[in-house]
Amino acid sequence: MTFAESLRSYRYSYLLLLPLFVLMYYNIVPFMVDQWYNDPNYSHGFIVPIIAGYFIYERREELMSAESAPASLGMVIILVGLLQLCVGYLAFELYTMRSSLIVLLAGLILFFFGMKVFRILLLPVLYLFFMVPLPYIVYDSIAFPLKQLVAKYSVEALQLMGVIIIREGNILILPETTLEVADACSGIRSLVSLLALAAAFALITQKGTMKRVIMIIAAIPIAILTNGVRVMGTGILAQYWGAKAAEGFFHEFAGLAVFAVALMLLAGLGALMDRGRK
């Protein structure tokens, strides 16, 4: 029996699983979506399921004709997902609860449809982890050293350009004002979103595991570099035109411009790798 035949034959049985998912995650998924909407660090969460759906669409012919042979190993993964959900509830740990949905989904695919279908859908399912906001302890452990790094090298660059500035931690002190390198300027905000988009871009445009890995890893220095340029631009404006010129509209516009430049750099890297292959 193929995957398509299995869907047709047991469609009503599979549909019965939807109310169970709604019952288990009715107060987990909406809260996560609300975080996508209100937290700029995770606004990319809205497009992650769409990209995962595109990956499935690309594989639709292979998927529909794949042999469907239920695998008992899927029950083990299902039990792990349920245990993860219970532990998350008891500890009120959001990441554990939210990511359990993806683990359960993987287990159900393997249990009902078998290994061949599971291998085809593994990439789209794994990509869904990009939509789950990181635990704050992990987020802060990444953001703090990034702030220090961006602040240090931005100040050194500004001093070479003749800007009068000193640094205390992530605080930049100029003659007329004081600036703080916050999380948004550290690169962590664009890094989280850029990694998700870089992974999608690499998987869609690049052939070969090594090139895909290179493009995904390249998102890290690109995010740090572009946000360093943002901090330097803010410092230059504050030095010559005052603190108000570096705040408000410029600060918001700079964030969008930095992300756009980062995307262009990723696209340029992809073009270079394609040209090298040719």
C-alpha atoms as a PDB file:
ATOM      1  CA  MET A   1       0.000   0.000   0.000  1.00  0.00           C
ATOM      2  CA  THR A   2       1.320   3.442  -0.927  1.00  0.00           C
ATOM      3  CA  PHE A   3       1.098   6.571   1.208  1.00  0.00           C
ATOM      4  CA  ALA A   4      -1.685   7.960  -1.004  1.00  0.00           C
ATOM      5  CA  GLU A   5      -3.673   4.720  -0.714  1.00  0.00           C
ATOM      6  CA  SER A   6      -3.198   4.689   3.044  1.00  0.00           C
ATOM      7  CA  LEU A   7      -4.524   8.241   3.332  1.00  0.00           C
ATOM      8  CA  ARG A   8      -7.615   7.334   1.313  1.00  0.00           C
ATOM      9  CA  SER A   9      -8.288   4.081   3.152  1.00  0.00           C
ATOM     10  CA  TYR A  10      -7.835   5.340   6.714  1.00  0.00           C
ATOM     11  CA  ARG A  11      -8.595   9.043   6.322  1.00  0.00           C
ATOM     12  CA  TYR A  12     -11.338   9.019   8.970  1.00  0.00           C
ATOM     13  CA  SER A  13      -9.089   7.267  11.489  1.00  0.00           C
ATOM     14  CA  TYR A  14      -6.347   9.840  10.906  1.00  0.00           C
ATOM     15  CA  LEU A  15      -8.838  12.701  11.238  1.00  0.00           C
ATOM     16  CA  LEU A  16      -9.758  11.433  14.699  1.00  0.00           C
ATOM     17  CA  LEU A  17      -6.231  12.337  15.822  1.00  0.00           C
ATOM     18  CA  LEU A  18      -6.863  16.055  15.224  1.00  0.00           C
ATOM     19  CA  PRO A  19      -9.194  16.523  18.235  1.00  0.00           C
ATOM     20  CA  LEU A  20      -6.585  14.799  20.429  1.00  0.00           C
ATOM     21  CA  PHE A  21      -3.898  17.206  19.262  1.00  0.00           C
ATOM     22  CA  VAL A  22      -6.214  20.167  19.851  1.00  0.00           C
ATOM     23  CA  LEU A  23      -7.000  18.902  23.340  1.00  0.00           C
ATOM     24  CA  MET A  24      -3.321  18.433  24.253  1.00  0.00           C
ATOM     25  CA  TYR A  25      -2.011  21.684  22.745  1.00  0.00           C
ATOM     26  CA  TYR A  26      -4.971  24.077  22.868  1.00  0.00           C
ATOM     27  CA  ASN A  27      -3.203  26.321  25.407  1.00  0.00           C
ATOM     28  CA  ILE A  28       0.361  25.729  24.146  1.00  0.00           C
ATOM     29  CA  VAL A  29       0.314  26.505  20.415  1.00  0.00           C
ATOM     30  CA  PRO A  30      -1.786  29.735  20.673  1.00  0.00           C
ATOM     31  CA  PHE A  31       0.599  31.077  23.334  1.00  0.00           C
ATOM     32  CA  MET A  32       3.541  30.286  21.057  1.00  0.00           C
ATOM     33  CA  VAL A  33       1.865  32.075  18.130  1.00  0.00           C
ATOM     34  CA  ASP A  34       1.235  35.046  20.416  1.00  0.00           C
ATOM     35  CA  GLN A  35       4.970  35.130  21.164  1.00  0.00           C
ATOM     36  CA  TRP A  36       5.720  35.146  17.417  1.00  0.00           C
ATOM     37  CA  TYR A  37       3.458  38.176  17.095  1.00  0.00           C
ATOM     38  CA  ASN A  38       4.744  40.143  20.089  1.00  0.00           C
ATOM     39  CA  ASP A  39       8.412  39.132  20.247  1.00  0.00           C
ATOM     40  CA  PRO A  40      10.483  40.441  17.289  1.00  0.00           C
ATOM     41  CA  ASN A  41      13.079  37.743  17.971  1.00  0.00           C
ATOM     42  CA  TYR A  42      10.658  35.054  16.785  1.00  0.00           C
ATOM     43  CA  SER A  43       8.464  36.753  14.186  1.00  0.00           C
ATOM     44  CA  HIS A  44       9.923  34.320  11.630  1.00  0.00           C
ATOM     45  CA  GLY A  45       7.849  31.612  13.325  1.00  0.00           C
ATOM     46  CA  PHE A  46       4.914  32.484  11.060  1.00  0.00           C
ATOM     47  CA  ILE A  47       6.758  31.471   7.891  1.00  0.00           C
ATOM     48  CA  VAL A  48       8.442  28.313   9.234  1.00  0.00           C
ATOM     49  CA  PRO A  49       5.353  26.068   8.776  1.00  0.00           C
ATOM     50  CA  ILE A  50       4.891  27.558   5.286  1.00  0.00           C
ATOM     51  CA  ILE A  51       8.478  26.697   4.328  1.00  0.00           C
ATOM     52  CA  ALA A  52       8.076  23.201   5.808  1.00  0.00           C
ATOM     53  CA  GLY A  53       4.923  22.828   3.711  1.00  0.00           C
ATOM     54  CA  TYR A  54       6.890  23.859   0.621  1.00  0.00           C
ATOM     55  CA  PHE A  55       9.456  21.141   1.337  1.00  0.00           C
ATOM     56  CA  ILE A  56       6.605  18.605   1.457  1.00  0.00           C
ATOM     57  CA  TYR A  57       5.142  20.004  -1.776  1.00  0.00           C
ATOM     58  CA  GLU A  58       8.507  19.551  -3.501  1.00  0.00           C
ATOM     59  CA  ARG A  59       8.514  15.890  -2.482  1.00  0.00           C
ATOM     60  CA  ARG A  60       4.818  15.271  -3.153  1.00  0.00           C
ATOM     61  CA  GLU A  61       5.255  12.797  -6.016  1.00  0.00           C
ATOM     62  CA  GLU A  62       7.853  10.743  -4.177  1.00  0.00           C
ATOM     63  CA  LEU A  63       5.737  10.920  -1.023  1.00  0.00           C
ATOM     64  CA  MET A  64       2.467   9.802  -2.598  1.00  0.00           C
ATOM     65  CA  SER A  65       4.081   6.800  -4.280  1.00  0.00           C
ATOM     66  CA  ALA A  66       6.160   5.752  -1.242  1.00  0.00           C
ATOM     67  CA  GLU A  67       5.373   2.431   0.358  1.00  0.00           C
ATOM     68  CA  SER A  68       3.417   2.728   3.597  1.00  0.00           C
ATOM     69  CA  ALA A  69       4.306   0.038   6.128  1.00  0.00           C
ATOM     70  CA  PRO A  70       3.605   0.911   9.795  1.00  0.00           C
ATOM     71  CA  ALA A  71       6.645   0.669  12.082  1.00  0.00           C
ATOM     72  CA  SER A  72       6.384  -0.167  15.782  1.00  0.00           C
ATOM     73  CA  LEU A  73       9.460   2.006  16.460  1.00  0.00           C
ATOM     74  CA  GLY A  74       7.174   4.984  15.994  1.00  0.00           C
ATOM     75  CA  MET A  75       5.390   4.105  19.230  1.00  0.00           C
ATOM     76  CA  VAL A  76       8.652   4.593  21.119  1.00  0.00           C
ATOM     77  CA  ILE A  77       8.982   8.114  19.679  1.00  0.00           C
ATOM     78  CA  ILE A  78       5.320   8.803  20.493  1.00  0.00           C
ATOM     79  CA  LEU A  79       5.908   7.771  24.118  1.00  0.00           C
ATOM     80  CA  VAL A  80       8.992  10.012  24.270  1.00  0.00           C
ATOM     81  CA  GLY A  81       6.903  12.927  22.979  1.00  0.00           C
ATOM     82  CA  LEU A  82       4.141  12.298  25.516  1.00  0.00           C
ATOM     83  CA  LEU A  83       6.693  12.031  28.328  1.00  0.00           C
ATOM     84  CA  GLN A  84       8.279  15.261  27.135  1.00  0.00           C
ATOM     85  CA  LEU A  85       4.863  16.971  27.192  1.00  0.00           C
ATOM     86  CA  CYS A  86       4.143  15.736  30.729  1.00  0.00           C
ATOM     87  CA  VAL A  87       7.553  16.810  32.027  1.00  0.00           C
ATOM     88  CA  GLY A  88       7.111  20.201  30.387  1.00  0.00           C
ATOM     89  CA  TYR A  89       3.728  20.656  32.065  1.00  0.00           C
ATOM     90  CA  LEU A  90       5.026  19.656  35.479  1.00  0.00           C
ATOM     91  CA  ALA A  91       8.084  21.929  35.213  1.00  0.00           C
ATOM     92  CA  PHE A  92       6.181  24.595  33.235  1.00  0.00           C
ATOM     93  CA  GLU A  93       9.045  24.624  30.734  1.00  0.00           C
ATOM     94  CA  LEU A  94       7.683  26.108  27.520  1.00  0.00           C
ATOM     95  CA  TYR A  95      10.314  24.823  25.104  1.00  0.00           C
ATOM     96  CA  THR A  96       9.842  21.236  26.288  1.00  0.00           C
ATOM     97  CA  MET A  97       6.074  21.432  25.884  1.00  0.00           C
ATOM     98  CA  ARG A  98       6.169  23.128  22.493  1.00  0.00           C
ATOM     99  CA  SER A  99       8.839  20.928  20.940  1.00  0.00           C
ATOM    100  CA  SER A 100       6.997  17.803  22.108  1.00  0.00           C
ATOM    101  CA  LEU A 101       4.446  18.536  19.378  1.00  0.00           C
ATOM    102  CA  ILE A 102       7.130  18.001  16.715  1.00  0.00           C
ATOM    103  CA  VAL A 103       8.399  14.829  18.394  1.00  0.00           C
ATOM    104  CA  LEU A 104       4.848  13.446  18.540  1.00  0.00           C
ATOM    105  CA  LEU A 105       4.300  14.312  14.889  1.00  0.00           C
ATOM    106  CA  ALA A 106       7.478  12.460  13.908  1.00  0.00           C
ATOM    107  CA  GLY A 107       6.436   9.429  15.959  1.00  0.00           C
ATOM    108  CA  LEU A 108       2.970   9.323  14.417  1.00  0.00           C
ATOM    109  CA  ILE A 109       4.378   9.487  10.888  1.00  0.00           C
ATOM    110  CA  LEU A 110       6.737   6.612  11.600  1.00  0.00           C
ATOM    111  CA  PHE A 111       4.125   4.536  13.432  1.00  0.00           C
ATOM    112  CA  PHE A 112       1.363   4.847  10.823  1.00  0.00           C
ATOM    113  CA  PHE A 113       3.329   5.098   7.569  1.00  0.00           C
ATOM    114  CA  GLY A 114       6.721   3.490   8.163  1.00  0.00           C
ATOM    115  CA  MET A 115      10.354   4.295   7.511  1.00  0.00           C
ATOM    116  CA  LYS A 116      10.181   5.214   3.815  1.00  0.00           C
ATOM    117  CA  VAL A 117       7.566   7.910   4.363  1.00  0.00           C
ATOM    118  CA  PHE A 118       9.348   9.004   7.535  1.00  0.00           C
ATOM    119  CA  ARG A 119      12.602   9.602   5.636  1.00  0.00           C
ATOM    120  CA  ILE A 120      10.829  11.726   3.032  1.00  0.00           C
ATOM    121  CA  LEU A 121       9.099  13.853   5.686  1.00  0.00           C
ATOM    122  CA  LEU A 122      12.004  14.004   8.146  1.00  0.00           C
ATOM    123  CA  LEU A 123      13.464  17.249   6.775  1.00  0.00           C
ATOM    124  CA  PRO A 124      10.168  19.228   6.860  1.00  0.00           C
ATOM    125  CA  VAL A 125       9.436  17.920  10.360  1.00  0.00           C
ATOM    126  CA  LEU A 126      12.897  18.822  11.682  1.00  0.00           C
ATOM    127  CA  TYR A 127      12.617  22.286  10.112  1.00  0.00           C
ATOM    128  CA  LEU A 128       9.620  22.959  12.364  1.00  0.00           C
ATOM    129  CA  PHE A 129      12.016  23.249  15.333  1.00  0.00           C
ATOM    130  CA  PHE A 130      12.920  26.723  14.015  1.00  0.00           C
ATOM    131  CA  MET A 131       9.427  27.922  14.947  1.00  0.00           C
ATOM    132  CA  VAL A 132       9.863  27.033  18.646  1.00  0.00           C
ATOM    133  CA  PRO A 133      11.285  29.947  20.683  1.00  0.00           C
ATOM    134  CA  LEU A 134      14.469  29.088  22.542  1.00  0.00           C
ATOM    135  CA  PRO A 135      14.449  28.810  26.345  1.00  0.00           C
ATOM    136  CA  TYR A 136      15.373  32.161  27.879  1.00  0.00           C
ATOM    137  CA  ILE A 137      18.378  30.662  29.658  1.00  0.00           C
ATOM    138  CA  VAL A 138      19.773  29.546  26.277  1.00  0.00           C
ATOM    139  CA  TYR A 139      18.841  32.836  24.617  1.00  0.00           C
ATOM    140  CA  ASP A 140      20.562  34.910  27.313  1.00  0.00           C
ATOM    141  CA  SER A 141      23.658  32.706  27.315  1.00  0.00           C
ATOM    142  CA  ILE A 142      24.064  33.450  23.587  1.00  0.00           C
ATOM    143  CA  ALA A 143      23.000  37.114  23.646  1.00  0.00           C
ATOM    144  CA  PHE A 144      25.334  38.253  26.435  1.00  0.00           C
ATOM    145  CA  PRO A 145      28.672  37.248  24.856  1.00  0.00           C
ATOM    146  CA  LEU A 146      27.428  38.499  21.479  1.00  0.00           C
ATOM    147  CA  LYS A 147      26.709  41.917  22.999  1.00  0.00           C
ATOM    148  CA  GLN A 148      30.207  42.044  24.447  1.00  0.00           C
ATOM    149  CA  LEU A 149      31.767  40.974  21.144  1.00  0.00           C
ATOM    150  CA  VAL A 150      29.825  43.457  19.019  1.00  0.00           C
ATOM    151  CA  ALA A 151      30.441  46.285  21.494  1.00  0.00           C
ATOM    152  CA  LYS A 152      34.189  45.608  21.695  1.00  0.00           C
ATOM    153  CA  TYR A 153      34.947  45.521  17.985  1.00  0.00           C
ATOM    154  CA  SER A 154      32.486  48.288  17.107  1.00  0.00           C
ATOM    155  CA  VAL A 155      34.225  50.623  19.567  1.00  0.00           C
ATOM    156  CA  GLU A 156      37.644  49.715  18.192  1.00  0.00           C
ATOM    157  CA  ALA A 157      36.449  50.431  14.657  1.00  0.00           C
ATOM    158  CA  LEU A 158      34.851  53.729  15.704  1.00  0.00           C
ATOM    159  CA  GLN A 159      38.044  54.814  17.452  1.00  0.00           C
ATOM    160  CA  LEU A 160      40.023  54.111  14.273  1.00  0.00           C
ATOM    161  CA  MET A 161      37.566  56.371  12.421  1.00  0.00           C
ATOM    162  CA  GLY A 162      38.229  59.191  14.872  1.00  0.00           C
ATOM    163  CA  VAL A 163      35.061  58.886  16.965  1.00  0.00           C
ATOM    164  CA  ILE A 164      35.614  59.760  20.628  1.00  0.00           C
ATOM    165  CA  ILE A 165      34.169  56.777  22.447  1.00  0.00           C
ATOM    166  CA  ILE A 166      34.973  54.407  25.295  1.00  0.00           C
ATOM    167  CA  ARG A 167      33.331  51.162  26.378  1.00  0.00           C
ATOM    168  CA  GLU A 168      32.255  49.751  29.718  1.00  0.00           C
ATOM    169  CA  GLY A 169      30.882  46.269  29.119  1.00  0.00           C
ATOM    170  CA  ASN A 170      28.135  46.736  26.550  1.00  0.00           C
ATOM    171  CA  ILE A 171      27.749  50.462  27.345  1.00  0.00           C
ATOM    172  CA  LEU A 172      29.241  52.894  24.814  1.00  0.00           C
ATOM    173  CA  ILE A 173      30.116  56.306  26.211  1.00  0.00           C
ATOM    174  CA  LEU A 174      30.373  59.282  23.837  1.00  0.00           C
ATOM    175  CA  PRO A 175      30.983  62.935  24.781  1.00  0.00           C
ATOM    176  CA  GLU A 176      27.323  63.904  24.352  1.00  0.00           C
ATOM    177  CA  THR A 177      25.451  60.702  25.095  1.00  0.00           C
ATOM    178  CA  THR A 178      25.619  57.093  26.257  1.00  0.00           C
ATOM    179  CA  LEU A 179      24.480  54.150  24.159  1.00  0.00           C
ATOM    180  CA  GLU A 180      23.736  50.584  25.132  1.00  0.00           C
ATOM    181  CA  VAL A 181      24.317  47.571  22.907  1.00  0.00           C
ATOM    182  CA  ALA A 182      21.059  45.781  23.638  1.00  0.00           C
ATOM    183  CA  ASP A 183      19.986  42.306  22.546  1.00  0.00           C
ATOM    184  CA  ALA A 184      18.611  43.680  19.267  1.00  0.00           C
ATOM    185  CA  CYS A 185      22.016  45.122  18.360  1.00  0.00           C
ATOM    186  CA  SER A 186      23.987  42.086  19.455  1.00  0.00           C
ATOM    187  CA  GLY A 187      22.946  40.111  16.415  1.00  0.00           C
ATOM    188  CA  ILE A 188      20.962  37.504  18.342  1.00  0.00           C
ATOM    189  CA  ARG A 189      17.628  38.747  16.968  1.00  0.00           C
ATOM    190  CA  SER A 190      18.709  38.606  13.339  1.00  0.00           C
ATOM    191  CA  LEU A 191      20.766  35.460  14.002  1.00  0.00           C
ATOM    192  CA  VAL A 192      17.733  33.414  15.073  1.00  0.00           C
ATOM    193  CA  SER A 193      15.689  34.496  12.048  1.00  0.00           C
ATOM    194  CA  LEU A 194      18.642  34.381   9.667  1.00  0.00           C
ATOM    195  CA  LEU A 195      19.508  30.807  10.624  1.00  0.00           C
ATOM    196  CA  ALA A 196      15.958  29.685   9.825  1.00  0.00           C
ATOM    197  CA  LEU A 197      15.992  31.470   6.461  1.00  0.00           C
ATOM    198  CA  ALA A 198      19.559  30.375   5.679  1.00  0.00           C
ATOM    199  CA  ALA A 199      18.595  26.749   6.263  1.00  0.00           C
ATOM    200  CA  ALA A 200      15.604  27.084   3.927  1.00  0.00           C
ATOM    201  CA  PHE A 201      17.660  28.934   1.295  1.00  0.00           C
ATOM    202  CA  ALA A 202      20.468  26.378   1.473  1.00  0.00           C
ATOM    203  CA  LEU A 203      18.111  23.402   1.206  1.00  0.00           C
ATOM    204  CA  ILE A 204      16.271  24.916  -1.750  1.00  0.00           C
ATOM    205  CA  THR A 205      19.181  26.328  -3.773  1.00  0.00           C
ATOM    206  CA  GLN A 206      22.232  24.222  -2.911  1.00  0.00           C
ATOM    207  CA  LYS A 207      23.079  20.682  -3.934  1.00  0.00           C
ATOM    208  CA  GLY A 208      25.315  18.736  -1.599  1.00  0.00           C
ATOM    209  CA  THR A 209      25.494  18.569   2.164  1.00  0.00           C
ATOM    210  CA  MET A 210      28.757  20.499   2.494  1.00  0.00           C
ATOM    211  CA  LYS A 211      27.498  23.571   0.625  1.00  0.00           C
ATOM    212  CA  ARG A 212      24.312  23.590   2.658  1.00  0.00           C
ATOM    213  CA  VAL A 213      26.246  23.387   5.916  1.00  0.00           C
ATOM    214  CA  ILE A 214      28.569  26.205   4.800  1.00  0.00           C
ATOM    215  CA  MET A 215      25.631  28.485   4.003  1.00  0.00           C
ATOM    216  CA  ILE A 216      23.887  27.793   7.324  1.00  0.00           C
ATOM    217  CA  ILE A 217      27.074  28.335   9.343  1.00  0.00           C
ATOM    218  CA  ALA A 218      27.814  31.522   7.352  1.00  0.00           C
ATOM    219  CA  ALA A 219      24.626  33.041   8.797  1.00  0.00           C
ATOM    220  CA  ILE A 220      26.390  33.377  12.176  1.00  0.00           C
ATOM    221  CA  PRO A 221      29.294  35.692  11.174  1.00  0.00           C
ATOM    222  CA  ILE A 222      27.023  37.558   8.739  1.00  0.00           C
ATOM    223  CA  ALA A 223      24.545  38.375  11.534  1.00  0.00           C
ATOM    224  CA  ILE A 224      27.336  39.517  13.857  1.00  0.00           C
ATOM    225  CA  LEU A 225      29.101  41.579  11.174  1.00  0.00           C
ATOM    226  CA  THR A 226      25.996  43.386   9.944  1.00  0.00           C
ATOM    227  CA  ASN A 227      24.880  44.250  13.482  1.00  0.00           C
ATOM    228  CA  GLY A 228      28.386  45.539  14.228  1.00  0.00           C
ATOM    229  CA  VAL A 229      27.973  47.891  11.275  1.00  0.00           C
ATOM    230  CA  ARG A 230      24.630  48.964  12.739  1.00  0.00           C
ATOM    231  CA  VAL A 231      26.262  49.831  16.056  1.00  0.00           C
ATOM    232  CA  MET A 232      29.024  51.770  14.271  1.00  0.00           C
ATOM    233  CA  GLY A 233      26.460  53.731  12.266  1.00  0.00           C
ATOM    234  CA  THR A 234      24.606  54.584  15.453  1.00  0.00           C
ATOM    235  CA  GLY A 235      27.853  55.735  17.095  1.00  0.00           C
ATOM    236  CA  ILE A 236      28.782  57.958  14.150  1.00  0.00           C
ATOM    237  CA  LEU A 237      25.343  59.607  14.113  1.00  0.00           C
ATOM    238  CA  ALA A 238      25.460  60.149  17.879  1.00  0.00           C
ATOM    239  CA  GLN A 239      28.938  61.696  17.607  1.00  0.00           C
ATOM    240  CA  TYR A 240      28.226  64.188  14.834  1.00  0.00           C
ATOM    241  CA  TRP A 241      24.461  64.758  14.929  1.00  0.00           C
ATOM    242  CA  GLY A 242      23.512  63.998  18.525  1.00  0.00           C
ATOM    243  CA  ALA A 243      21.704  61.211  20.335  1.00  0.00           C
ATOM    244  CA  LYS A 244      18.282  61.995  18.822  1.00  0.00           C
ATOM    245  CA  ALA A 245      19.591  61.365  15.320  1.00  0.00           C
ATOM    246  CA  ALA A 246      20.664  57.861  16.371  1.00  0.00           C
ATOM    247  CA  GLU A 247      17.343  56.955  17.960  1.00  0.00           C
ATOM    248  CA  GLY A 248      13.757  56.631  16.838  1.00  0.00           C
ATOM    249  CA  PHE A 249      13.235  56.125  13.129  1.00  0.00           C
ATOM    250  CA  PHE A 250      16.902  55.511  12.315  1.00  0.00           C
ATOM    251  CA  HIS A 251      17.217  52.803  14.928  1.00  0.00           C
ATOM    252  CA  GLU A 252      14.180  50.913  13.621  1.00  0.00           C
ATOM    253  CA  PHE A 253      15.108  51.459   9.980  1.00  0.00           C
ATOM    254  CA  ALA A 254      18.676  50.322  10.652  1.00  0.00           C
ATOM    255  CA  GLY A 255      17.396  47.040  12.056  1.00  0.00           C
ATOM    256  CA  LEU A 256      15.427  46.330   8.874  1.00  0.00           C
ATOM    257  CA  ALA A 257      18.291  47.475   6.652  1.00  0.00           C
ATOM    258  CA  VAL A 258      20.793  45.272   8.503  1.00  0.00           C
ATOM    259  CA  PHE A 259      18.581  42.216   8.052  1.00  0.00           C
ATOM    260  CA  ALA A 260      18.105  43.006   4.356  1.00  0.00           C
ATOM    261  CA  VAL A 261      21.876  43.319   3.889  1.00  0.00           C
ATOM    262  CA  ALA A 262      22.385  40.016   5.704  1.00  0.00           C
ATOM    263  CA  LEU A 263      19.944  38.318   3.331  1.00  0.00           C
ATOM    264  CA  MET A 264      21.744  39.812   0.328  1.00  0.00           C
ATOM    265  CA  LEU A 265      25.071  38.548   1.642  1.00  0.00           C
ATOM    266  CA  LEU A 266      23.600  35.059   2.003  1.00  0.00           C
ATOM    267  CA  ALA A 267      22.224  35.248  -1.537  1.00  0.00           C
ATOM    268  CA  GLY A 268      25.636  36.423  -2.771  1.00  0.00           C
ATOM    269  CA  LEU A 269      27.324  33.510  -1.032  1.00  0.00           C
ATOM    270  CA  GLY A 270      24.890  31.120  -2.677  1.00  0.00           C
ATOM    271  CA  ALA A 271      25.581  32.654  -6.085  1.00  0.00           C
ATOM    272  CA  LEU A 272      29.329  32.318  -5.550  1.00  0.00           C
ATOM    273  CA  MET A 273      29.019  28.654  -4.630  1.00  0.00           C
ATOM    274  CA  ASP A 274      26.815  28.019  -7.672  1.00  0.00           C
ATOM    275  CA  ARG A 275      29.336  29.779  -9.903  1.00  0.00           C
ATOM    276  CA  GLY A 276      32.175  27.743  -8.422  1.00  0.00           C
ATOM    277  CA  ARG A 277      30.265  24.519  -9.081  1.00  0.00           C
ATOM    278  CA  LYS A 278      29.671  25.492 -12.698  1.00  0.00           C
END
